[in-house]
């Protein structure tokens, strides 16, 4: 016999699902913009990576994470993953 669905848990899960969907849409928009940046950098013969900008972004987002009571280590790992993916896209834009 299966237990009836827990309405409180179902409500939490629905909220999580909504946040996950929003995150995916936000990331998609961010990557659309960074794709345009990569194309511009390729045309302007600019390097695909900008270590000083990346360091500034990581510091800024770590501070935002602390203000939001989110683990800054997690936020740095997350944004580093995103930045690395953007750089990979920028490098591939140079070869097309």
PDB file of N, CA and C in Angstrom:
ATOM      1  N   UNK A   1       0.842  -1.181   0.000  1.00  0.00           N
ATOM      2  CA  UNK A   1       0.000   0.000   0.000  1.00  0.00           C
ATOM      3  C   UNK A   1       0.889   1.248   0.000  1.00  0.00           C
ATOM      4  N   UNK A   2       0.590   2.174  -0.879  1.00  0.00           N
ATOM      5  CA  UNK A   2       1.360   3.408  -1.002  1.00  0.00           C
ATOM      6  C   UNK A   2       0.748   4.474  -0.108  1.00  0.00           C
ATOM      7  N   UNK A   3       1.638   5.204   0.584  1.00  0.00           N
ATOM      8  CA  UNK A   3       1.167   6.296   1.444  1.00  0.00           C
ATOM      9  C   UNK A   3       0.635   7.431   0.567  1.00  0.00           C
ATOM     10  N   UNK A   4      -0.367   8.145   1.047  1.00  0.00           N
ATOM     11  CA  UNK A   4      -0.878   9.281   0.265  1.00  0.00           C
ATOM     12  C   UNK A   4       0.204  10.348   0.145  1.00  0.00           C
ATOM     13  N   UNK A   5       0.161  11.129  -0.942  1.00  0.00           N
ATOM     14  CA  UNK A   5       1.169  12.171  -1.127  1.00  0.00           C
ATOM     15  C   UNK A   5       1.123  13.177   0.034  1.00  0.00           C
ATOM     16  N   UNK A   6       2.286  13.600   0.429  1.00  0.00           N
ATOM     17  CA  UNK A   6       2.403  14.600   1.493  1.00  0.00           C
ATOM     18  C   UNK A   6       2.249  15.980   0.848  1.00  0.00           C
ATOM     19  N   UNK A   7       1.179  16.720   1.153  1.00  0.00           N
ATOM     20  CA  UNK A   7       0.944  18.001   0.487  1.00  0.00           C
ATOM     21  C   UNK A   7       2.013  19.053   0.817  1.00  0.00           C
ATOM     22  N   UNK A   8       2.568  19.008   2.015  1.00  0.00           N
ATOM     23  CA  UNK A   8       3.612  19.983   2.374  1.00  0.00           C
ATOM     24  C   UNK A   8       4.862  19.716   1.540  1.00  0.00           C
ATOM     25  N   UNK A   9       5.281  18.449   1.486  1.00  0.00           N
ATOM     26  CA  UNK A   9       6.451  18.081   0.690  1.00  0.00           C
ATOM     27  C   UNK A   9       6.207  18.392  -0.787  1.00  0.00           C
ATOM     28  N   UNK A  10       5.025  18.106  -1.271  1.00  0.00           N
ATOM     29  CA  UNK A  10       4.693  18.384  -2.672  1.00  0.00           C
ATOM     30  C   UNK A  10       4.799  19.879  -2.972  1.00  0.00           C
ATOM     31  N   UNK A  11       4.370  20.706  -2.034  1.00  0.00           N
ATOM     32  CA  UNK A  11       4.453  22.160  -2.209  1.00  0.00           C
ATOM     33  C   UNK A  11       5.906  22.627  -2.268  1.00  0.00           C
ATOM     34  N   UNK A  12       6.730  22.099  -1.354  1.00  0.00           N
ATOM     35  CA  UNK A  12       8.158  22.438  -1.388  1.00  0.00           C
ATOM     36  C   UNK A  12       8.782  22.025  -2.714  1.00  0.00           C
ATOM     37  N   UNK A  13       8.451  20.815  -3.136  1.00  0.00           N
ATOM     38  CA  UNK A  13       9.036  20.315  -4.382  1.00  0.00           C
ATOM     39  C   UNK A  13       8.591  21.133  -5.587  1.00  0.00           C
ATOM     40  N   UNK A  14       7.347  21.577  -5.582  1.00  0.00           N
ATOM     41  CA  UNK A  14       6.864  22.429  -6.673  1.00  0.00           C
ATOM     42  C   UNK A  14       7.651  23.733  -6.703  1.00  0.00           C
ATOM     43  N   UNK A  15       7.914  24.314  -5.538  1.00  0.00           N
ATOM     44  CA  UNK A  15       8.715  25.542  -5.469  1.00  0.00           C
ATOM     45  C   UNK A  15      10.131  25.296  -5.979  1.00  0.00           C
ATOM     46  N   UNK A  16      10.726  24.185  -5.577  1.00  0.00           N
ATOM     47  CA  UNK A  16      12.072  23.840  -6.052  1.00  0.00           C
ATOM     48  C   UNK A  16      12.069  23.687  -7.570  1.00  0.00           C
ATOM     49  N   UNK A  17      11.068  23.003  -8.100  1.00  0.00           N
ATOM     50  CA  UNK A  17      10.970  22.822  -9.546  1.00  0.00           C
ATOM     51  C   UNK A  17      10.868  24.172 -10.262  1.00  0.00           C
ATOM     52  N   UNK A  18      10.103  25.095  -9.694  1.00  0.00           N
ATOM     53  CA  UNK A  18       9.965  26.426 -10.289  1.00  0.00           C
ATOM     54  C   UNK A  18      11.297  27.177 -10.274  1.00  0.00           C
ATOM     55  N   UNK A  19      12.022  27.095  -9.154  1.00  0.00           N
ATOM     56  CA  UNK A  19      13.329  27.743  -9.078  1.00  0.00           C
ATOM     57  C   UNK A  19      14.306  27.123 -10.070  1.00  0.00           C
ATOM     58  N   UNK A  20      14.288  25.797 -10.175  1.00  0.00           N
ATOM     59  CA  UNK A  20      15.175  25.127 -11.128  1.00  0.00           C
ATOM     60  C   UNK A  20      14.883  25.597 -12.553  1.00  0.00           C
ATOM     61  N   UNK A  21      13.630  25.705 -12.903  1.00  0.00           N
ATOM     62  CA  UNK A  21      13.262  26.171 -14.240  1.00  0.00           C
ATOM     63  C   UNK A  21      13.744  27.609 -14.455  1.00  0.00           C
ATOM     64  N   UNK A  22      13.564  28.453 -13.451  1.00  0.00           N
ATOM     65  CA  UNK A  22      14.026  29.844 -13.555  1.00  0.00           C
ATOM     66  C   UNK A  22      15.541  29.900 -13.726  1.00  0.00           C
ATOM     67  N   UNK A  23      16.265  29.082 -12.971  1.00  0.00           N
ATOM     68  CA  UNK A  23      17.729  29.051 -13.100  1.00  0.00           C
ATOM     69  C   UNK A  23      18.152  28.664 -14.517  1.00  0.00           C
ATOM     70  N   UNK A  24      17.499  27.677 -15.079  1.00  0.00           N
ATOM     71  CA  UNK A  24      17.843  27.244 -16.439  1.00  0.00           C
ATOM     72  C   UNK A  24      17.593  28.367 -17.437  1.00  0.00           C
ATOM     73  N   UNK A  25      16.472  29.055 -17.306  1.00  0.00           N
ATOM     74  CA  UNK A  25      16.168  30.154 -18.224  1.00  0.00           C
ATOM     75  C   UNK A  25      17.146  31.311 -18.044  1.00  0.00           C
ATOM     76  N   UNK A  26      17.512  31.614 -16.815  1.00  0.00           N
ATOM     77  CA  UNK A  26      18.483  32.681 -16.549  1.00  0.00           C
ATOM     78  C   UNK A  26      19.849  32.305 -17.125  1.00  0.00           C
ATOM     79  N   UNK A  27      20.276  31.061 -16.920  1.00  0.00           N
ATOM     80  CA  UNK A  27      21.557  30.625 -17.485  1.00  0.00           C
ATOM     81  C   UNK A  27      21.534  30.667 -19.011  1.00  0.00           C
ATOM     82  N   UNK A  28      20.418  30.278 -19.594  1.00  0.00           N
ATOM     83  CA  UNK A  28      20.308  30.321 -21.060  1.00  0.00           C
ATOM     84  C   UNK A  28      20.467  31.752 -21.560  1.00  0.00           C
ATOM     85  N   UNK A  29      19.834  32.694 -20.889  1.00  0.00           N
ATOM     86  CA  UNK A  29      19.955  34.101 -21.290  1.00  0.00           C
ATOM     87  C   UNK A  29      21.384  34.597 -21.091  1.00  0.00           C
ATOM     88  N   UNK A  30      21.995  34.213 -19.978  1.00  0.00           N
ATOM     89  CA  UNK A  30      23.383  34.614 -19.716  1.00  0.00           C
ATOM     90  C   UNK A  30      24.289  34.086 -20.830  1.00  0.00           C
ATOM     91  N   UNK A  31      24.098  32.838 -21.245  1.00  0.00           N
ATOM     92  CA  UNK A  31      24.944  32.271 -22.289  1.00  0.00           C
ATOM     93  C   UNK A  31      24.654  32.885 -23.656  1.00  0.00           C
ATOM     94  N   UNK A  32      23.432  33.329 -23.904  1.00  0.00           N
ATOM     95  CA  UNK A  32      23.161  34.047 -25.160  1.00  0.00           C
ATOM     96  C   UNK A  32      23.990  35.328 -25.211  1.00  0.00           C
ATOM     97  N   UNK A  33      24.046  36.024 -24.087  1.00  0.00           N
ATOM     98  CA  UNK A  33      24.813  37.277 -24.034  1.00  0.00           C
ATOM     99  C   UNK A  33      26.309  36.992 -24.137  1.00  0.00           C
ATOM    100  N   UNK A  34      26.792  35.998 -23.394  1.00  0.00           N
ATOM    101  CA  UNK A  34      28.229  35.712 -23.454  1.00  0.00           C
ATOM    102  C   UNK A  34      28.636  35.168 -24.826  1.00  0.00           C
ATOM    103  N   UNK A  35      27.714  34.547 -25.537  1.00  0.00           N
ATOM    104  CA  UNK A  35      28.017  34.119 -26.898  1.00  0.00           C
ATOM    105  C   UNK A  35      28.273  35.340 -27.778  1.00  0.00           C
ATOM    106  N   UNK A  36      27.457  36.374 -27.616  1.00  0.00           N
ATOM    107  CA  UNK A  36      27.663  37.612 -28.372  1.00  0.00           C
ATOM    108  C   UNK A  36      29.005  38.244 -27.992  1.00  0.00           C
ATOM    109  N   UNK A  37      29.343  38.192 -26.708  1.00  0.00           N
ATOM    110  CA  UNK A  37      30.641  38.716 -26.257  1.00  0.00           C
ATOM    111  C   UNK A  37      31.766  37.935 -26.935  1.00  0.00           C
ATOM    112  N   UNK A  38      31.653  36.610 -26.975  1.00  0.00           N
ATOM    113  CA  UNK A  38      32.675  35.791 -27.605  1.00  0.00           C
ATOM    114  C   UNK A  38      32.842  36.107 -29.081  1.00  0.00           C
ATOM    115  N   UNK A  39      31.737  36.310 -29.777  1.00  0.00           N
ATOM    116  CA  UNK A  39      31.800  36.668 -31.194  1.00  0.00           C
ATOM    117  C   UNK A  39      32.471  38.021 -31.370  1.00  0.00           C
ATOM    118  N   UNK A  40      32.126  38.960 -30.493  1.00  0.00           N
ATOM    119  CA  UNK A  40      32.752  40.287 -30.556  1.00  0.00           C
ATOM    120  C   UNK A  40      34.251  40.190 -30.289  1.00  0.00           C
ATOM    121  N   UNK A  41      34.626  39.436 -29.255  1.00  0.00           N
ATOM    122  CA  UNK A  41      36.046  39.288 -28.933  1.00  0.00           C
ATOM    123  C   UNK A  41      36.809  38.667 -30.101  1.00  0.00           C
ATOM    124  N   UNK A  42      36.214  37.688 -30.761  1.00  0.00           N
ATOM    125  CA  UNK A  42      36.877  37.049 -31.899  1.00  0.00           C
ATOM    126  C   UNK A  42      37.087  38.058 -33.026  1.00  0.00           C
ATOM    127  N   UNK A  43      36.067  38.843 -33.337  1.00  0.00           N
ATOM    128  CA  UNK A  43      36.176  39.845 -34.415  1.00  0.00           C
ATOM    129  C   UNK A  43      37.159  40.949 -34.056  1.00  0.00           C
ATOM    130  N   UNK A  44      37.209  41.328 -32.785  1.00  0.00           N
ATOM    131  CA  UNK A  44      38.084  42.415 -32.334  1.00  0.00           C
ATOM    132  C   UNK A  44      39.474  41.913 -31.944  1.00  0.00           C
ATOM    133  N   UNK A  45      39.725  40.632 -32.156  1.00  0.00           N
ATOM    134  CA  UNK A  45      41.016  40.011 -31.817  1.00  0.00           C
ATOM    135  C   UNK A  45      41.373  40.201 -30.341  1.00  0.00           C
ATOM    136  N   UNK A  46      40.365  40.091 -29.490  1.00  0.00           N
ATOM    137  CA  UNK A  46      40.584  40.159 -28.040  1.00  0.00           C
ATOM    138  C   UNK A  46      40.724  38.748 -27.496  1.00  0.00           C
ATOM    139  N   UNK A  47      41.465  38.576 -26.420  1.00  0.00           N
ATOM    140  CA  UNK A  47      41.630  37.225 -25.867  1.00  0.00           C
ATOM    141  C   UNK A  47      40.305  36.679 -25.334  1.00  0.00           C
ATOM    142  N   UNK A  48      40.120  35.360 -25.408  1.00  0.00           N
ATOM    143  CA  UNK A  48      38.866  34.776 -24.935  1.00  0.00           C
ATOM    144  C   UNK A  48      38.685  34.878 -23.419  1.00  0.00           C
ATOM    145  N   UNK A  49      39.771  34.923 -22.687  1.00  0.00           N
ATOM    146  CA  UNK A  49      39.689  35.001 -21.222  1.00  0.00           C
ATOM    147  C   UNK A  49      40.188  36.362 -20.756  1.00  0.00           C
ATOM    148  N   UNK A  50      39.648  36.816 -19.638  1.00  0.00           N
ATOM    149  CA  UNK A  50      40.063  38.067 -19.016  1.00  0.00           C
ATOM    150  C   UNK A  50      40.233  37.799 -17.526  1.00  0.00           C
ATOM    151  N   UNK A  51      41.422  37.334 -17.125  1.00  0.00           N
ATOM    152  CA  UNK A  51      41.627  36.925 -15.732  1.00  0.00           C
ATOM    153  C   UNK A  51      41.313  38.002 -14.696  1.00  0.00           C
ATOM    154  N   UNK A  52      41.586  39.262 -14.994  1.00  0.00           N
ATOM    155  CA  UNK A  52      41.276  40.311 -14.001  1.00  0.00           C
ATOM    156  C   UNK A  52      39.767  40.486 -13.847  1.00  0.00           C
ATOM    157  N   UNK A  53      39.024  40.449 -14.939  1.00  0.00           N
ATOM    158  CA  UNK A  53      37.558  40.522 -14.878  1.00  0.00           C
ATOM    159  C   UNK A  53      37.002  39.320 -14.121  1.00  0.00           C
ATOM    160  N   UNK A  54      37.545  38.138 -14.402  1.00  0.00           N
ATOM    161  CA  UNK A  54      37.082  36.930 -13.724  1.00  0.00           C
ATOM    162  C   UNK A  54      37.308  37.032 -12.218  1.00  0.00           C
ATOM    163  N   UNK A  55      38.478  37.515 -11.816  1.00  0.00           N
ATOM    164  CA  UNK A  55      38.783  37.660 -10.388  1.00  0.00           C
ATOM    165  C   UNK A  55      37.833  38.656  -9.728  1.00  0.00           C
ATOM    166  N   UNK A  56      37.543  39.757 -10.428  1.00  0.00           N
ATOM    167  CA  UNK A  56      36.595  40.753  -9.899  1.00  0.00           C
ATOM    168  C   UNK A  56      35.209  40.144  -9.727  1.00  0.00           C
ATOM    169  N   UNK A  57      34.777  39.378 -10.733  1.00  0.00           N
ATOM    170  CA  UNK A  57      33.456  38.753 -10.666  1.00  0.00           C
ATOM    171  C   UNK A  57      33.373  37.755  -9.514  1.00  0.00           C
ATOM    172  N   UNK A  58      34.408  36.950  -9.364  1.00  0.00           N
ATOM    173  CA  UNK A  58      34.400  35.959  -8.289  1.00  0.00           C
ATOM    174  C   UNK A  58      34.339  36.656  -6.934  1.00  0.00           C
ATOM    175  N   UNK A  59      35.132  37.694  -6.752  1.00  0.00           N
ATOM    176  CA  UNK A  59      35.119  38.431  -5.479  1.00  0.00           C
ATOM    177  C   UNK A  59      33.741  39.054  -5.237  1.00  0.00           C
ATOM    178  N   UNK A  60      33.171  39.655  -6.280  1.00  0.00           N
ATOM    179  CA  UNK A  60      31.847  40.291  -6.147  1.00  0.00           C
ATOM    180  C   UNK A  60      30.780  39.268  -5.798  1.00  0.00           C
ATOM    181  N   UNK A  61      30.813  38.120  -6.460  1.00  0.00           N
ATOM    182  CA  UNK A  61      29.787  37.112  -6.218  1.00  0.00           C
ATOM    183  C   UNK A  61      29.982  36.402  -4.885  1.00  0.00           C
ATOM    184  N   UNK A  62      31.212  36.266  -4.436  1.00  0.00           N
ATOM    185  CA  UNK A  62      31.445  35.718  -3.090  1.00  0.00           C
ATOM    186  C   UNK A  62      30.839  36.652  -2.036  1.00  0.00           C
ATOM    187  N   UNK A  63      31.022  37.956  -2.227  1.00  0.00           N
ATOM    188  CA  UNK A  63      30.453  38.930  -1.289  1.00  0.00           C
ATOM    189  C   UNK A  63      28.927  38.871  -1.317  1.00  0.00           C
ATOM    190  N   UNK A  64      28.350  38.784  -2.506  1.00  0.00           N
ATOM    191  CA  UNK A  64      26.892  38.658  -2.616  1.00  0.00           C
ATOM    192  C   UNK A  64      26.402  37.391  -1.937  1.00  0.00           C
ATOM    193  N   UNK A  65      27.140  36.310  -2.103  1.00  0.00           N
ATOM    194  CA  UNK A  65      26.760  35.044  -1.472  1.00  0.00           C
ATOM    195  C   UNK A  65      26.769  35.188   0.049  1.00  0.00           C
ATOM    196  N   UNK A  66      27.794  35.821   0.571  1.00  0.00           N
ATOM    197  CA  UNK A  66      27.855  36.017   2.025  1.00  0.00           C
ATOM    198  C   UNK A  66      26.663  36.832   2.513  1.00  0.00           C
ATOM    199  N   UNK A  67      26.324  37.898   1.774  1.00  0.00           N
ATOM    200  CA  UNK A  67      25.167  38.724   2.148  1.00  0.00           C
ATOM    201  C   UNK A  67      23.874  37.919   2.113  1.00  0.00           C
ATOM    202  N   UNK A  68      23.808  36.959   1.214  1.00  0.00           N
ATOM    203  CA  UNK A  68      22.593  36.159   1.037  1.00  0.00           C
ATOM    204  C   UNK A  68      22.605  34.881   1.882  1.00  0.00           C
ATOM    205  N   UNK A  69      23.605  34.745   2.738  1.00  0.00           N
ATOM    206  CA  UNK A  69      23.756  33.542   3.562  1.00  0.00           C
ATOM    207  C   UNK A  69      23.891  32.274   2.724  1.00  0.00           C
ATOM    208  N   UNK A  70      24.611  32.397   1.617  1.00  0.00           N
ATOM    209  CA  UNK A  70      24.931  31.258   0.763  1.00  0.00           C
ATOM    210  C   UNK A  70      26.429  31.012   0.907  1.00  0.00           C
ATOM    211  N   UNK A  71      26.820  29.765   0.949  1.00  0.00           N
ATOM    212  CA  UNK A  71      28.225  29.415   1.102  1.00  0.00           C
ATOM    213  C   UNK A  71      29.047  30.045  -0.024  1.00  0.00           C
ATOM    214  N   UNK A  72      29.995  30.952   0.303  1.00  0.00           N
ATOM    215  CA  UNK A  72      30.796  31.588  -0.741  1.00  0.00           C
ATOM    216  C   UNK A  72      31.659  30.600  -1.528  1.00  0.00           C
ATOM    217  N   UNK A  73      32.061  29.506  -0.884  1.00  0.00           N
ATOM    218  CA  UNK A  73      32.834  28.486  -1.594  1.00  0.00           C
ATOM    219  C   UNK A  73      31.982  27.860  -2.693  1.00  0.00           C
ATOM    220  N   UNK A  74      30.740  27.568  -2.363  1.00  0.00           N
ATOM    221  CA  UNK A  74      29.821  27.018  -3.363  1.00  0.00           C
ATOM    222  C   UNK A  74      29.626  28.017  -4.500  1.00  0.00           C
ATOM    223  N   UNK A  75      29.398  29.280  -4.156  1.00  0.00           N
ATOM    224  CA  UNK A  75      29.143  30.279  -5.198  1.00  0.00           C
ATOM    225  C   UNK A  75      30.361  30.427  -6.109  1.00  0.00           C
ATOM    226  N   UNK A  76      31.561  30.361  -5.523  1.00  0.00           N
ATOM    227  CA  UNK A  76      32.767  30.465  -6.351  1.00  0.00           C
ATOM    228  C   UNK A  76      32.901  29.261  -7.271  1.00  0.00           C
ATOM    229  N   UNK A  77      32.647  28.064  -6.763  1.00  0.00           N
ATOM    230  CA  UNK A  77      32.719  26.873  -7.610  1.00  0.00           C
ATOM    231  C   UNK A  77      31.712  26.965  -8.752  1.00  0.00           C
ATOM    232  N   UNK A  78      30.517  27.443  -8.426  1.00  0.00           N
ATOM    233  CA  UNK A  78      29.466  27.558  -9.432  1.00  0.00           C
ATOM    234  C   UNK A  78      29.861  28.557 -10.515  1.00  0.00           C
ATOM    235  N   UNK A  79      30.283  29.758 -10.100  1.00  0.00           N
ATOM    236  CA  UNK A  79      30.608  30.780 -11.107  1.00  0.00           C
ATOM    237  C   UNK A  79      31.864  30.405 -11.867  1.00  0.00           C
ATOM    238  N   UNK A  80      32.811  29.727 -11.226  1.00  0.00           N
ATOM    239  CA  UNK A  80      34.010  29.273 -11.929  1.00  0.00           C
ATOM    240  C   UNK A  80      33.622  28.277 -13.021  1.00  0.00           C
ATOM    241  N   UNK A  81      32.692  27.384 -12.717  1.00  0.00           N
ATOM    242  CA  UNK A  81      32.207  26.436 -13.716  1.00  0.00           C
ATOM    243  C   UNK A  81      31.589  27.185 -14.902  1.00  0.00           C
ATOM    244  N   UNK A  82      30.763  28.191 -14.613  1.00  0.00           N
ATOM    245  CA  UNK A  82      30.120  28.981 -15.663  1.00  0.00           C
ATOM    246  C   UNK A  82      31.181  29.727 -16.480  1.00  0.00           C
ATOM    247  N   UNK A  83      32.125  30.379 -15.797  1.00  0.00           N
ATOM    248  CA  UNK A  83      33.175  31.134 -16.490  1.00  0.00           C
ATOM    249  C   UNK A  83      33.993  30.205 -17.393  1.00  0.00           C
ATOM    250  N   UNK A  84      34.365  29.037 -16.878  1.00  0.00           N
ATOM    251  CA  UNK A  84      35.146  28.102 -17.684  1.00  0.00           C
ATOM    252  C   UNK A  84      34.387  27.681 -18.939  1.00  0.00           C
ATOM    253  N   UNK A  85      33.083  27.494 -18.805  1.00  0.00           N
ATOM    254  CA  UNK A  85      32.265  27.127 -19.960  1.00  0.00           C
ATOM    255  C   UNK A  85      32.192  28.286 -20.959  1.00  0.00           C
ATOM    256  N   UNK A  86      32.064  29.502 -20.462  1.00  0.00           N
ATOM    257  CA  UNK A  86      32.035  30.686 -21.338  1.00  0.00           C
ATOM    258  C   UNK A  86      33.352  30.797 -22.105  1.00  0.00           C
ATOM    259  N   UNK A  87      34.465  30.622 -21.408  1.00  0.00           N
ATOM    260  CA  UNK A  87      35.776  30.708 -22.066  1.00  0.00           C
ATOM    261  C   UNK A  87      35.890  29.632 -23.144  1.00  0.00           C
ATOM    262  N   UNK A  88      35.414  28.439 -22.840  1.00  0.00           N
ATOM    263  CA  UNK A  88      35.433  27.360 -23.835  1.00  0.00           C
ATOM    264  C   UNK A  88      34.645  27.771 -25.080  1.00  0.00           C
ATOM    265  N   UNK A  89      33.489  28.393 -24.873  1.00  0.00           N
ATOM    266  CA  UNK A  89      32.685  28.870 -26.008  1.00  0.00           C
ATOM    267  C   UNK A  89      33.427  29.966 -26.769  1.00  0.00           C
ATOM    268  N   UNK A  90      34.073  30.882 -26.040  1.00  0.00           N
ATOM    269  CA  UNK A  90      34.802  31.965 -26.685  1.00  0.00           C
ATOM    270  C   UNK A  90      35.960  31.420 -27.515  1.00  0.00           C
ATOM    271  N   UNK A  91      36.639  30.415 -26.996  1.00  0.00           N
ATOM    272  CA  UNK A  91      37.743  29.809 -27.734  1.00  0.00           C
ATOM    273  C   UNK A  91      37.232  29.123 -29.000  1.00  0.00           C
ATOM    274  N   UNK A  92      36.081  28.471 -28.905  1.00  0.00           N
ATOM    275  CA  UNK A  92      35.536  27.805 -30.097  1.00  0.00           C
ATOM    276  C   UNK A  92      35.026  28.823 -31.113  1.00  0.00           C
ATOM    277  N   UNK A  93      34.612  30.007 -30.667  1.00  0.00           N
ATOM    278  CA  UNK A  93      34.153  31.058 -31.590  1.00  0.00           C
ATOM    279  C   UNK A  93      35.317  31.531 -32.466  1.00  0.00           C
ATOM    280  N   UNK A  94      36.524  31.413 -31.957  1.00  0.00           N
ATOM    281  CA  UNK A  94      37.700  31.823 -32.723  1.00  0.00           C
ATOM    282  C   UNK A  94      37.981  30.868 -33.872  1.00  0.00           C
ATOM    283  N   UNK A  95      37.584  29.620 -33.719  1.00  0.00           N
ATOM    284  CA  UNK A  95      37.912  28.620 -34.728  1.00  0.00           C
ATOM    285  C   UNK A  95      36.822  28.485 -35.799  1.00  0.00           C
ATOM    286  N   UNK A  96      35.740  29.254 -35.635  1.00  0.00           N
ATOM    287  CA  UNK A  96      34.665  29.156 -36.647  1.00  0.00           C
ATOM    288  C   UNK A  96      34.682  30.330 -37.584  1.00  0.00           C
TER     289      UNK A  96
END
